[in-house]
N, C-alpha and C. Protein backbone atom coordinates (compact mmCIF):
# COMPACT_ATOMS: atom_id res chain seq x y z
N MET A 1 14.50 31.59 15.63
CA MET A 1 14.44 30.50 16.75
C MET A 1 15.96 30.91 17.54
N GLU A 2 15.80 30.79 19.00
CA GLU A 2 17.06 30.84 19.62
C GLU A 2 17.87 29.66 19.53
N GLN A 3 19.30 29.70 19.52
CA GLN A 3 20.25 28.62 19.28
C GLN A 3 19.94 27.60 20.19
N GLU A 4 19.67 27.82 21.50
CA GLU A 4 19.50 26.65 22.44
C GLU A 4 18.20 26.08 22.16
N SER A 5 17.09 26.53 21.99
CA SER A 5 15.79 25.97 21.77
C SER A 5 15.96 25.10 20.39
N ARG A 6 16.76 25.75 19.38
CA ARG A 6 16.78 24.82 18.14
C ARG A 6 17.82 23.64 18.51
N ASN A 7 18.87 23.69 19.37
CA ASN A 7 19.48 22.44 19.71
C ASN A 7 18.55 21.51 20.36
N ASP A 8 17.78 22.04 21.36
CA ASP A 8 16.80 21.16 21.98
C ASP A 8 16.06 20.36 20.95
N LEU A 9 15.39 21.18 20.06
CA LEU A 9 14.64 20.71 19.00
C LEU A 9 15.11 19.57 18.16
N LEU A 10 16.40 19.63 17.97
CA LEU A 10 17.05 18.79 17.10
C LEU A 10 17.51 17.65 17.78
N GLU A 11 17.81 17.45 18.94
CA GLU A 11 18.16 16.40 19.93
C GLU A 11 16.92 15.64 20.21
N ASN A 12 15.70 16.16 20.16
CA ASN A 12 14.55 15.34 20.26
C ASN A 12 14.00 14.76 19.23
N LEU A 13 14.47 15.39 18.13
CA LEU A 13 13.94 15.01 16.65
C LEU A 13 13.96 13.60 16.39
N CYS A 14 15.13 12.90 16.56
CA CYS A 14 15.14 11.47 16.07
C CYS A 14 14.38 10.76 17.05
N PHE A 15 14.41 10.91 18.43
CA PHE A 15 13.52 10.13 19.29
C PHE A 15 12.08 10.24 18.99
N HIS A 16 11.58 11.41 18.86
CA HIS A 16 10.10 11.56 18.63
C HIS A 16 9.63 10.94 17.31
N VAL A 17 10.48 11.12 16.17
CA VAL A 17 10.01 10.49 15.01
C VAL A 17 10.31 9.14 15.08
N GLU A 18 11.28 8.32 15.69
CA GLU A 18 11.49 7.08 15.76
C GLU A 18 10.31 6.41 16.59
N GLN A 19 9.82 6.99 17.67
CA GLN A 19 8.66 6.37 18.63
C GLN A 19 7.50 6.46 17.72
N ASN A 20 7.27 7.54 16.96
CA ASN A 20 6.03 7.58 16.17
C ASN A 20 6.02 6.61 14.94
N VAL A 21 7.20 6.32 14.45
CA VAL A 21 7.30 5.25 13.34
C VAL A 21 7.02 3.81 14.00
N ARG A 22 7.48 3.59 15.07
CA ARG A 22 7.33 2.26 15.70
C ARG A 22 5.81 2.17 16.16
N GLU A 23 5.18 3.18 16.54
CA GLU A 23 3.75 3.07 16.87
C GLU A 23 2.94 2.70 15.55
N LEU A 24 3.27 3.31 14.42
CA LEU A 24 2.57 3.28 13.13
C LEU A 24 2.75 1.82 12.60
N VAL A 25 4.13 1.27 12.74
CA VAL A 25 4.47 -0.20 12.20
C VAL A 25 3.57 -1.13 13.07
N ALA A 26 3.38 -0.84 14.41
CA ALA A 26 2.77 -1.68 15.44
C ALA A 26 1.43 -1.72 15.06
N ALA A 27 0.68 -0.68 15.15
CA ALA A 27 -0.73 -0.46 14.93
C ALA A 27 -1.18 -1.07 13.70
N GLY A 28 -0.44 -0.69 12.43
CA GLY A 28 -0.92 -1.10 11.22
C GLY A 28 -0.29 -2.33 10.83
N GLY A 29 0.33 -3.12 11.80
CA GLY A 29 0.90 -4.47 11.35
C GLY A 29 1.61 -4.46 9.97
N ILE A 30 2.45 -3.69 9.99
CA ILE A 30 3.19 -3.17 8.78
C ILE A 30 4.47 -4.36 8.61
N ARG A 31 4.45 -4.87 7.53
CA ARG A 31 4.98 -6.13 7.15
C ARG A 31 6.34 -5.92 6.27
N THR A 32 7.33 -6.70 6.18
CA THR A 32 8.57 -6.53 5.38
C THR A 32 8.10 -6.27 3.91
N GLY A 33 8.55 -5.25 3.29
CA GLY A 33 8.29 -5.24 1.86
C GLY A 33 7.15 -4.18 1.61
N GLN A 34 6.35 -3.77 2.71
CA GLN A 34 5.34 -2.91 2.54
C GLN A 34 5.87 -1.45 2.37
N LEU A 35 4.88 -0.59 1.81
CA LEU A 35 5.19 0.82 1.64
C LEU A 35 4.78 1.65 2.66
N VAL A 36 5.81 2.44 3.31
CA VAL A 36 5.38 3.66 4.11
C VAL A 36 5.75 4.84 3.80
N VAL A 37 4.90 5.89 3.41
CA VAL A 37 5.15 7.10 2.86
C VAL A 37 5.37 8.13 3.99
N PHE A 38 6.37 9.12 3.74
CA PHE A 38 6.52 10.01 4.60
C PHE A 38 6.63 11.52 3.82
N GLY A 39 5.62 12.33 4.37
CA GLY A 39 5.65 13.77 3.87
C GLY A 39 6.17 14.60 4.95
N THR A 40 7.23 15.46 4.52
CA THR A 40 7.95 16.19 5.72
C THR A 40 8.13 17.52 5.26
N SER A 41 7.70 18.74 5.92
CA SER A 41 7.97 19.96 5.70
C SER A 41 9.17 20.38 6.87
N THR A 42 10.33 20.12 6.42
CA THR A 42 11.57 20.58 7.53
C THR A 42 11.21 22.15 7.86
N SER A 43 10.81 22.97 6.94
CA SER A 43 10.49 24.31 7.55
C SER A 43 9.50 24.34 8.54
N GLU A 44 8.38 23.63 8.45
CA GLU A 44 7.45 23.58 9.47
C GLU A 44 7.97 23.06 10.72
N VAL A 45 8.88 21.89 10.80
CA VAL A 45 9.41 21.53 11.92
C VAL A 45 9.98 22.57 12.64
N LEU A 46 10.66 23.52 11.82
CA LEU A 46 11.56 24.57 12.63
C LEU A 46 10.65 25.80 12.95
N GLY A 47 9.19 25.71 12.68
CA GLY A 47 8.39 26.67 13.18
C GLY A 47 8.30 27.80 12.07
N ARG A 48 8.73 27.36 10.81
CA ARG A 48 8.61 28.45 9.68
C ARG A 48 7.42 27.78 8.80
N HIS A 49 7.15 28.90 7.86
CA HIS A 49 6.01 28.53 6.85
C HIS A 49 6.59 27.57 5.87
N ILE A 50 5.65 26.44 5.43
CA ILE A 50 6.02 25.39 4.50
C ILE A 50 6.65 25.96 3.37
N GLY A 51 7.88 25.29 2.87
CA GLY A 51 8.30 25.77 1.76
C GLY A 51 9.25 26.98 1.78
N THR A 52 9.57 27.47 2.93
CA THR A 52 10.28 28.60 2.95
C THR A 52 11.74 28.66 3.67
N SER A 53 11.82 27.57 4.53
CA SER A 53 13.18 27.53 5.20
C SER A 53 13.71 26.25 5.29
N GLY A 54 13.73 25.26 4.22
CA GLY A 54 14.18 24.06 4.12
C GLY A 54 15.60 23.66 4.97
N SER A 55 15.74 22.52 5.78
CA SER A 55 16.85 22.27 6.46
C SER A 55 17.29 20.93 6.05
N GLU A 56 18.65 20.78 5.51
CA GLU A 56 19.04 19.52 5.47
C GLU A 56 19.24 18.67 6.75
N GLU A 57 19.65 19.59 7.82
CA GLU A 57 19.94 18.81 9.00
C GLU A 57 18.66 18.29 9.79
N VAL A 58 17.49 19.02 9.54
CA VAL A 58 16.39 18.38 10.00
C VAL A 58 16.13 17.02 8.94
N ALA A 59 16.16 17.22 7.82
CA ALA A 59 15.92 15.99 6.81
C ALA A 59 16.87 14.91 7.28
N ARG A 60 18.02 15.19 7.66
CA ARG A 60 19.21 13.97 8.05
C ARG A 60 18.61 13.37 9.30
N ARG A 61 18.13 14.18 10.27
CA ARG A 61 17.87 13.43 11.53
C ARG A 61 16.54 12.71 11.17
N ILE A 62 15.61 13.15 10.61
CA ILE A 62 14.35 12.33 10.30
C ILE A 62 14.74 11.09 9.56
N PHE A 63 15.52 11.16 8.38
CA PHE A 63 15.90 10.14 7.73
C PHE A 63 16.66 9.09 8.53
N GLU A 64 17.45 9.46 9.42
CA GLU A 64 18.02 8.28 10.24
C GLU A 64 17.14 7.67 11.28
N ALA A 65 16.21 8.39 11.66
CA ALA A 65 15.30 7.86 12.49
C ALA A 65 14.45 6.81 11.70
N VAL A 66 13.94 7.30 10.66
CA VAL A 66 13.28 6.17 9.81
C VAL A 66 13.93 5.00 9.36
N ALA A 67 15.31 5.24 9.05
CA ALA A 67 16.27 4.09 8.55
C ALA A 67 16.34 3.23 9.82
N LYS A 68 16.26 3.61 10.96
CA LYS A 68 16.66 2.79 12.22
C LYS A 68 15.49 1.70 12.47
N VAL A 69 14.14 2.47 12.31
CA VAL A 69 12.99 1.40 12.56
C VAL A 69 12.81 0.52 11.34
N ARG A 70 13.16 1.19 10.09
CA ARG A 70 13.11 0.28 8.75
C ARG A 70 13.97 -0.72 8.71
N SER A 71 15.12 -0.62 9.56
CA SER A 71 16.21 -1.81 9.48
C SER A 71 15.58 -2.94 10.44
N GLU A 72 14.78 -2.79 11.37
CA GLU A 72 14.23 -3.79 12.10
C GLU A 72 12.84 -4.30 11.41
N ALA A 73 12.07 -3.48 10.88
CA ALA A 73 10.58 -3.69 10.42
C ALA A 73 10.70 -4.20 8.79
N GLY A 74 11.72 -3.62 8.18
CA GLY A 74 11.94 -4.24 6.72
C GLY A 74 10.81 -3.39 5.68
N PHE A 75 10.19 -2.33 6.14
CA PHE A 75 9.30 -1.75 5.26
C PHE A 75 10.17 -0.93 4.16
N TYR A 76 9.48 -0.46 3.18
CA TYR A 76 10.21 0.43 2.09
C TYR A 76 9.78 1.98 2.44
N PRO A 77 10.71 2.69 2.68
CA PRO A 77 10.31 4.17 3.12
C PRO A 77 10.26 4.81 1.78
N VAL A 78 9.20 5.70 1.63
CA VAL A 78 8.83 6.59 0.37
C VAL A 78 8.80 7.88 0.90
N PHE A 79 9.47 8.71 0.25
CA PHE A 79 9.60 10.07 0.65
C PHE A 79 8.99 11.07 -0.29
N GLN A 80 7.86 11.79 0.08
CA GLN A 80 7.10 12.58 -0.86
C GLN A 80 7.93 13.84 -1.13
N CYS A 81 7.74 14.35 -2.49
CA CYS A 81 8.46 15.65 -2.80
C CYS A 81 7.27 16.73 -2.53
N CYS A 82 7.73 17.88 -2.78
CA CYS A 82 6.85 19.08 -2.47
C CYS A 82 5.94 19.28 -3.78
N GLU A 83 5.12 20.23 -3.84
CA GLU A 83 4.19 20.60 -4.89
C GLU A 83 4.93 20.89 -5.99
N HIS A 84 6.17 21.26 -6.12
CA HIS A 84 6.75 21.64 -7.45
C HIS A 84 7.19 20.45 -8.15
N LEU A 85 7.15 19.48 -7.65
CA LEU A 85 7.47 18.18 -8.44
C LEU A 85 6.06 17.60 -8.32
N ASN A 86 4.99 18.00 -8.29
CA ASN A 86 3.51 17.41 -8.04
C ASN A 86 3.42 16.33 -7.08
N ARG A 87 4.21 16.51 -5.95
CA ARG A 87 4.12 15.45 -4.79
C ARG A 87 4.56 14.01 -5.22
N ALA A 88 5.54 13.99 -6.24
CA ALA A 88 6.05 12.62 -6.92
C ALA A 88 6.92 12.26 -5.50
N LEU A 89 7.47 11.01 -5.68
CA LEU A 89 8.06 10.22 -4.44
C LEU A 89 9.25 9.71 -4.72
N VAL A 90 10.18 9.60 -3.93
CA VAL A 90 11.60 9.18 -3.89
C VAL A 90 11.51 7.81 -2.96
N LEU A 91 11.91 6.65 -3.68
CA LEU A 91 12.05 5.45 -3.03
C LEU A 91 13.15 4.56 -3.80
N GLU A 92 13.39 3.42 -3.28
CA GLU A 92 14.38 2.42 -3.83
C GLU A 92 13.84 1.80 -5.17
N ARG A 93 14.79 1.61 -6.01
CA ARG A 93 14.39 0.97 -7.25
C ARG A 93 13.72 -0.33 -7.10
N ALA A 94 14.36 -1.07 -5.91
CA ALA A 94 13.79 -2.37 -5.65
C ALA A 94 12.24 -2.42 -5.46
N ALA A 95 11.92 -1.19 -4.58
CA ALA A 95 10.46 -1.17 -4.11
C ALA A 95 9.59 -0.75 -5.51
N MET A 96 10.31 0.14 -6.25
CA MET A 96 9.53 0.54 -7.71
C MET A 96 9.22 -0.69 -8.45
N GLU A 97 10.33 -1.52 -8.62
CA GLU A 97 10.12 -2.92 -9.31
C GLU A 97 9.09 -3.73 -8.75
N ARG A 98 9.29 -3.92 -7.32
CA ARG A 98 8.33 -4.92 -6.48
C ARG A 98 6.84 -4.44 -6.98
N TYR A 99 6.57 -3.24 -6.99
CA TYR A 99 5.06 -2.82 -7.12
C TYR A 99 4.90 -2.20 -8.66
N GLY A 100 5.70 -2.57 -9.55
CA GLY A 100 5.45 -2.25 -10.81
C GLY A 100 5.07 -0.83 -11.13
N LEU A 101 5.81 0.19 -10.38
CA LEU A 101 5.66 1.55 -10.72
C LEU A 101 6.54 1.92 -11.66
N GLU A 102 6.19 3.22 -12.30
CA GLU A 102 6.97 3.74 -13.41
C GLU A 102 7.90 4.92 -12.98
N GLN A 103 9.20 4.99 -13.17
CA GLN A 103 10.10 5.75 -12.98
C GLN A 103 9.95 7.11 -13.78
N VAL A 104 10.05 8.34 -13.14
CA VAL A 104 10.17 9.57 -13.85
C VAL A 104 11.41 9.95 -13.76
N SER A 105 11.71 10.95 -14.58
CA SER A 105 13.19 11.74 -14.65
C SER A 105 13.27 13.14 -14.15
N VAL A 106 13.56 13.02 -12.84
CA VAL A 106 13.83 14.31 -12.24
C VAL A 106 14.71 14.01 -11.21
N ILE A 107 15.62 14.96 -10.55
CA ILE A 107 16.39 14.82 -9.36
C ILE A 107 15.86 15.80 -8.34
N PRO A 108 15.22 15.47 -7.16
CA PRO A 108 14.70 16.41 -6.22
C PRO A 108 15.89 17.17 -5.55
N VAL A 109 15.71 18.61 -5.48
CA VAL A 109 16.50 19.48 -4.79
C VAL A 109 15.80 20.32 -3.84
N PRO A 110 16.40 20.82 -2.87
CA PRO A 110 15.62 21.62 -1.75
C PRO A 110 14.55 22.65 -2.46
N LYS A 111 14.80 23.33 -3.32
CA LYS A 111 14.01 24.27 -3.76
C LYS A 111 12.81 23.78 -4.93
N ALA A 112 13.07 22.60 -5.40
CA ALA A 112 12.01 21.77 -6.18
C ALA A 112 12.11 20.47 -5.96
N GLY A 113 11.23 20.12 -4.89
CA GLY A 113 11.11 18.60 -4.41
C GLY A 113 11.31 18.73 -2.80
N GLY A 114 12.10 19.63 -2.25
CA GLY A 114 11.85 19.82 -0.77
C GLY A 114 13.27 19.23 -0.16
N SER A 115 13.58 19.63 0.93
CA SER A 115 14.85 19.13 1.53
C SER A 115 14.68 17.68 2.02
N MET A 116 13.70 17.27 2.42
CA MET A 116 13.53 15.95 2.82
C MET A 116 13.57 14.87 1.54
N ALA A 117 12.95 15.17 0.57
CA ALA A 117 12.92 14.42 -0.49
C ALA A 117 14.49 14.43 -1.18
N ALA A 118 15.04 15.65 -1.24
CA ALA A 118 16.44 15.89 -1.75
C ALA A 118 17.41 15.09 -0.95
N TYR A 119 17.22 14.87 0.32
CA TYR A 119 18.26 14.49 1.13
C TYR A 119 17.98 12.73 0.94
N ALA A 120 16.70 12.16 0.90
CA ALA A 120 16.35 10.92 0.61
C ALA A 120 16.94 10.38 -0.57
N TYR A 121 16.95 11.35 -1.74
CA TYR A 121 17.22 10.92 -3.02
C TYR A 121 18.87 10.54 -2.98
N ARG A 122 19.47 11.21 -2.25
CA ARG A 122 21.10 11.15 -2.25
C ARG A 122 21.39 10.05 -1.25
N HIS A 123 20.51 9.50 -0.27
CA HIS A 123 20.99 8.67 0.68
C HIS A 123 20.30 7.10 0.77
N LEU A 124 19.16 7.06 -0.11
CA LEU A 124 18.61 5.84 -0.24
C LEU A 124 19.54 5.08 -1.21
N PRO A 125 19.53 3.71 -1.09
CA PRO A 125 20.25 2.92 -1.92
C PRO A 125 19.41 2.91 -3.33
N ASP A 126 20.30 3.07 -4.50
CA ASP A 126 19.74 3.17 -5.80
C ASP A 126 18.31 3.69 -5.91
N SER A 127 18.24 5.03 -5.57
CA SER A 127 17.05 5.74 -5.45
C SER A 127 16.45 6.29 -6.77
N VAL A 128 15.00 6.27 -6.98
CA VAL A 128 14.49 6.68 -8.14
C VAL A 128 13.11 7.52 -7.78
N VAL A 129 12.59 8.05 -8.64
CA VAL A 129 11.38 9.02 -8.47
C VAL A 129 10.30 8.42 -9.19
N VAL A 130 9.14 8.39 -8.58
CA VAL A 130 7.94 7.83 -9.29
C VAL A 130 6.78 8.92 -9.01
N GLU A 131 5.86 8.83 -9.80
CA GLU A 131 4.74 9.95 -9.70
C GLU A 131 3.74 9.59 -8.60
N THR A 132 3.50 8.37 -8.39
CA THR A 132 2.39 7.88 -7.35
C THR A 132 2.75 6.58 -6.91
N VAL A 133 2.26 6.41 -5.56
CA VAL A 133 2.15 4.91 -5.01
C VAL A 133 0.91 4.74 -4.32
N GLN A 134 0.65 3.57 -3.92
CA GLN A 134 -0.45 3.34 -2.86
C GLN A 134 0.28 2.77 -1.62
N ALA A 135 0.65 3.56 -0.83
CA ALA A 135 1.50 3.12 0.37
C ALA A 135 0.46 2.50 1.36
N HIS A 136 0.94 1.49 2.23
CA HIS A 136 0.28 0.85 3.36
C HIS A 136 -0.05 1.67 4.47
N ALA A 137 0.88 2.65 4.64
CA ALA A 137 0.76 3.58 5.84
C ALA A 137 1.58 4.88 5.45
N GLY A 138 1.41 5.84 6.16
CA GLY A 138 2.27 6.98 6.23
C GLY A 138 2.14 7.83 7.30
N ILE A 139 3.05 8.83 7.30
CA ILE A 139 3.18 9.86 8.34
C ILE A 139 3.40 11.37 7.65
N ASP A 140 2.59 12.24 8.05
CA ASP A 140 2.71 13.64 7.41
C ASP A 140 3.20 14.61 8.61
N ILE A 141 4.40 15.11 8.32
CA ILE A 141 4.91 16.06 9.33
C ILE A 141 4.94 17.37 8.66
N GLY A 142 3.93 18.24 9.15
CA GLY A 142 3.77 19.62 8.64
C GLY A 142 2.86 19.95 7.66
N GLY A 143 1.82 19.00 7.47
CA GLY A 143 0.65 19.18 6.70
C GLY A 143 1.03 19.26 5.06
N THR A 144 1.79 18.21 4.76
CA THR A 144 2.21 17.97 3.29
C THR A 144 1.29 17.09 2.50
N LEU A 145 0.16 16.78 3.13
CA LEU A 145 -1.03 16.22 2.29
C LEU A 145 -0.63 14.77 1.58
N ILE A 146 -0.17 13.72 2.57
CA ILE A 146 0.14 12.32 1.96
C ILE A 146 -1.06 11.50 1.47
N GLY A 147 -2.29 11.96 1.79
CA GLY A 147 -3.39 11.24 1.54
C GLY A 147 -3.43 10.71 0.29
N MET A 148 -3.15 11.37 -0.75
CA MET A 148 -3.20 10.91 -2.17
C MET A 148 -2.23 9.91 -2.59
N HIS A 149 -1.39 9.41 -1.68
CA HIS A 149 -0.48 8.12 -1.84
C HIS A 149 -0.79 7.01 -1.05
N LEU A 150 -1.83 7.18 -0.37
CA LEU A 150 -2.48 5.94 0.52
C LEU A 150 -3.39 5.07 -0.04
N LYS A 151 -3.39 3.80 0.24
CA LYS A 151 -4.25 2.90 -0.21
C LYS A 151 -5.58 3.07 0.45
N GLN A 152 -6.45 2.63 -0.06
CA GLN A 152 -7.91 2.59 0.80
C GLN A 152 -8.01 1.43 1.55
N VAL A 153 -8.41 1.49 2.80
CA VAL A 153 -9.20 2.56 3.53
C VAL A 153 -8.07 2.99 4.53
N ALA A 154 -7.99 4.40 4.59
CA ALA A 154 -7.02 4.82 5.65
C ALA A 154 -7.54 4.91 7.08
N VAL A 155 -6.98 4.60 7.96
CA VAL A 155 -7.23 4.63 9.35
C VAL A 155 -6.29 5.41 10.26
N PRO A 156 -6.98 6.54 10.69
CA PRO A 156 -6.12 7.69 11.45
C PRO A 156 -5.53 7.03 12.69
N LEU A 157 -4.44 7.35 12.84
CA LEU A 157 -3.68 6.84 14.19
C LEU A 157 -3.20 8.08 14.84
N ARG A 158 -3.66 8.26 16.35
CA ARG A 158 -3.11 9.55 16.90
C ARG A 158 -1.68 9.11 17.55
N PRO A 159 -0.60 9.85 17.14
CA PRO A 159 0.78 9.41 17.66
C PRO A 159 0.98 9.97 19.05
N THR A 160 2.03 9.44 19.84
CA THR A 160 2.32 9.89 21.15
C THR A 160 2.95 11.27 20.93
N HIS A 161 3.61 11.51 19.88
CA HIS A 161 4.26 12.81 19.65
C HIS A 161 3.41 13.57 18.43
N ARG A 162 2.52 14.43 18.94
CA ARG A 162 1.64 15.00 17.97
C ARG A 162 2.37 16.04 17.19
N MET A 163 3.48 16.51 17.90
CA MET A 163 4.31 17.65 17.16
C MET A 163 5.64 17.10 17.00
N ILE A 164 6.28 17.36 15.71
CA ILE A 164 7.80 17.09 15.58
C ILE A 164 8.30 18.56 15.45
N GLY A 165 9.11 18.97 16.39
CA GLY A 165 9.38 20.12 16.47
C GLY A 165 8.15 21.10 16.64
N HIS A 166 7.98 22.17 15.47
CA HIS A 166 6.69 22.83 15.60
C HIS A 166 5.73 22.32 14.55
N ALA A 167 6.01 21.32 13.96
CA ALA A 167 5.15 20.79 12.92
C ALA A 167 4.10 19.72 13.33
N PRO A 168 2.88 19.85 13.14
CA PRO A 168 1.69 18.92 13.61
C PRO A 168 2.09 17.79 12.76
N VAL A 169 1.67 16.51 13.42
CA VAL A 169 1.71 15.11 12.89
C VAL A 169 0.46 14.44 12.66
N GLN A 170 0.32 13.83 11.34
CA GLN A 170 -0.92 12.99 11.10
C GLN A 170 -0.25 11.63 10.69
N MET A 171 -0.95 10.62 11.20
CA MET A 171 -0.38 9.43 10.85
C MET A 171 -1.58 8.50 10.36
N ALA A 172 -1.47 7.45 9.65
CA ALA A 172 -2.51 6.60 9.10
C ALA A 172 -1.81 5.30 8.72
N TYR A 173 -2.68 4.33 8.91
CA TYR A 173 -2.19 2.98 8.21
C TYR A 173 -3.51 2.57 7.39
N THR A 174 -3.46 1.64 6.59
CA THR A 174 -4.77 1.30 5.78
C THR A 174 -4.98 -0.19 6.07
N ARG A 175 -6.25 -0.47 5.69
CA ARG A 175 -6.85 -1.79 5.88
C ARG A 175 -7.57 -2.08 4.59
N PRO A 176 -7.74 -3.37 4.15
CA PRO A 176 -8.68 -3.80 2.96
C PRO A 176 -10.13 -3.25 3.40
N LYS A 177 -10.83 -2.93 2.32
CA LYS A 177 -12.27 -2.60 2.29
C LYS A 177 -12.89 -3.70 2.98
N LEU A 178 -14.00 -3.36 3.87
CA LEU A 178 -14.93 -4.36 4.54
C LEU A 178 -16.03 -4.70 3.47
N ILE A 179 -16.28 -5.77 2.76
CA ILE A 179 -17.40 -5.88 1.95
C ILE A 179 -18.46 -6.85 2.40
N GLY A 180 -19.70 -6.93 1.83
CA GLY A 180 -20.57 -7.74 2.39
C GLY A 180 -21.63 -6.99 3.18
N GLY A 181 -22.70 -7.73 3.80
CA GLY A 181 -23.72 -7.05 4.32
C GLY A 181 -23.70 -7.72 5.81
N VAL A 182 -24.85 -8.01 6.52
CA VAL A 182 -25.02 -8.17 7.93
C VAL A 182 -24.41 -9.59 8.11
N ARG A 183 -24.53 -10.58 7.10
CA ARG A 183 -23.98 -11.79 7.41
C ARG A 183 -22.49 -12.00 7.18
N ALA A 184 -21.74 -10.84 6.69
CA ALA A 184 -20.51 -11.00 6.36
C ALA A 184 -19.62 -11.35 7.79
N VAL A 185 -18.52 -12.22 7.42
CA VAL A 185 -17.46 -12.40 8.65
C VAL A 185 -16.23 -11.77 8.10
N TYR A 186 -15.51 -11.24 9.23
CA TYR A 186 -14.22 -10.42 9.14
C TYR A 186 -13.16 -10.93 9.85
N THR A 187 -13.48 -11.95 10.84
CA THR A 187 -12.45 -12.55 11.60
C THR A 187 -12.59 -14.00 11.61
N LEU A 188 -11.56 -14.82 11.75
CA LEU A 188 -11.66 -16.21 11.75
C LEU A 188 -12.28 -16.77 13.00
N ASP A 189 -12.34 -15.82 14.19
CA ASP A 189 -12.79 -16.43 15.48
C ASP A 189 -14.31 -15.97 15.39
N THR A 190 -14.98 -15.48 14.37
CA THR A 190 -16.39 -15.14 14.42
C THR A 190 -17.23 -16.23 13.97
N LYS A 191 -18.26 -16.59 14.78
CA LYS A 191 -19.22 -17.71 14.56
C LYS A 191 -20.02 -17.54 13.20
N PRO A 192 -19.98 -18.27 12.06
CA PRO A 192 -20.65 -17.99 11.02
C PRO A 192 -22.34 -18.03 11.21
N SER A 193 -22.87 -17.28 10.40
CA SER A 193 -24.22 -17.32 10.37
C SER A 193 -24.91 -18.74 10.16
N ASP A 194 -26.14 -19.08 10.73
CA ASP A 194 -26.65 -20.35 10.42
C ASP A 194 -27.52 -20.26 8.99
N THR A 195 -27.71 -18.92 8.62
CA THR A 195 -28.36 -18.83 7.17
C THR A 195 -27.49 -19.12 6.14
N THR A 196 -27.88 -19.96 5.15
CA THR A 196 -26.98 -20.30 3.98
C THR A 196 -27.16 -19.34 2.96
N CYS A 197 -26.32 -19.24 1.87
CA CYS A 197 -26.48 -18.45 0.84
C CYS A 197 -26.11 -19.34 -0.47
N ASP A 198 -26.88 -19.00 -1.49
CA ASP A 198 -26.56 -19.70 -2.62
C ASP A 198 -25.41 -19.04 -3.73
């Protein structure tokens, strides 16, 4: 990648990630204390094959963009590791304890965990690693397959910035399952059916 185009990519990175995270928070109604998972291939952002060219600089910029929106919205960011750590997750101890998750013993590094998770582990306050979460929403930058860490039911959301650098972006928030049949009511402004039920 030419130095000039790399600089342009890095300059746009924070803005694009921040805008996408804001859209996800708004569309998903993400509240204080909820979990938002981030899967990121910094290699793919730079136009390289996933797992081959991790970048701390890219990780830093993405982390800063997420942190900016988090400071306003109050969600807990959760950063997915790469397949070499079985896609374990980095998050704050407070989030782990709030959701009754079990800590595992490993320290993510760029070659085993990925640049994004390694950076998050060193910059989140009181960071820990867990094997799995059921997050309320998530963003996948570069095809890292975050679906295994989302609650049911995932609702896809098309972001304004469908590429972060050279990496495709997928986003989703989740909603509770809709249960019941034709008489079920899902919103308070819906007029109930006249038919009674025992």
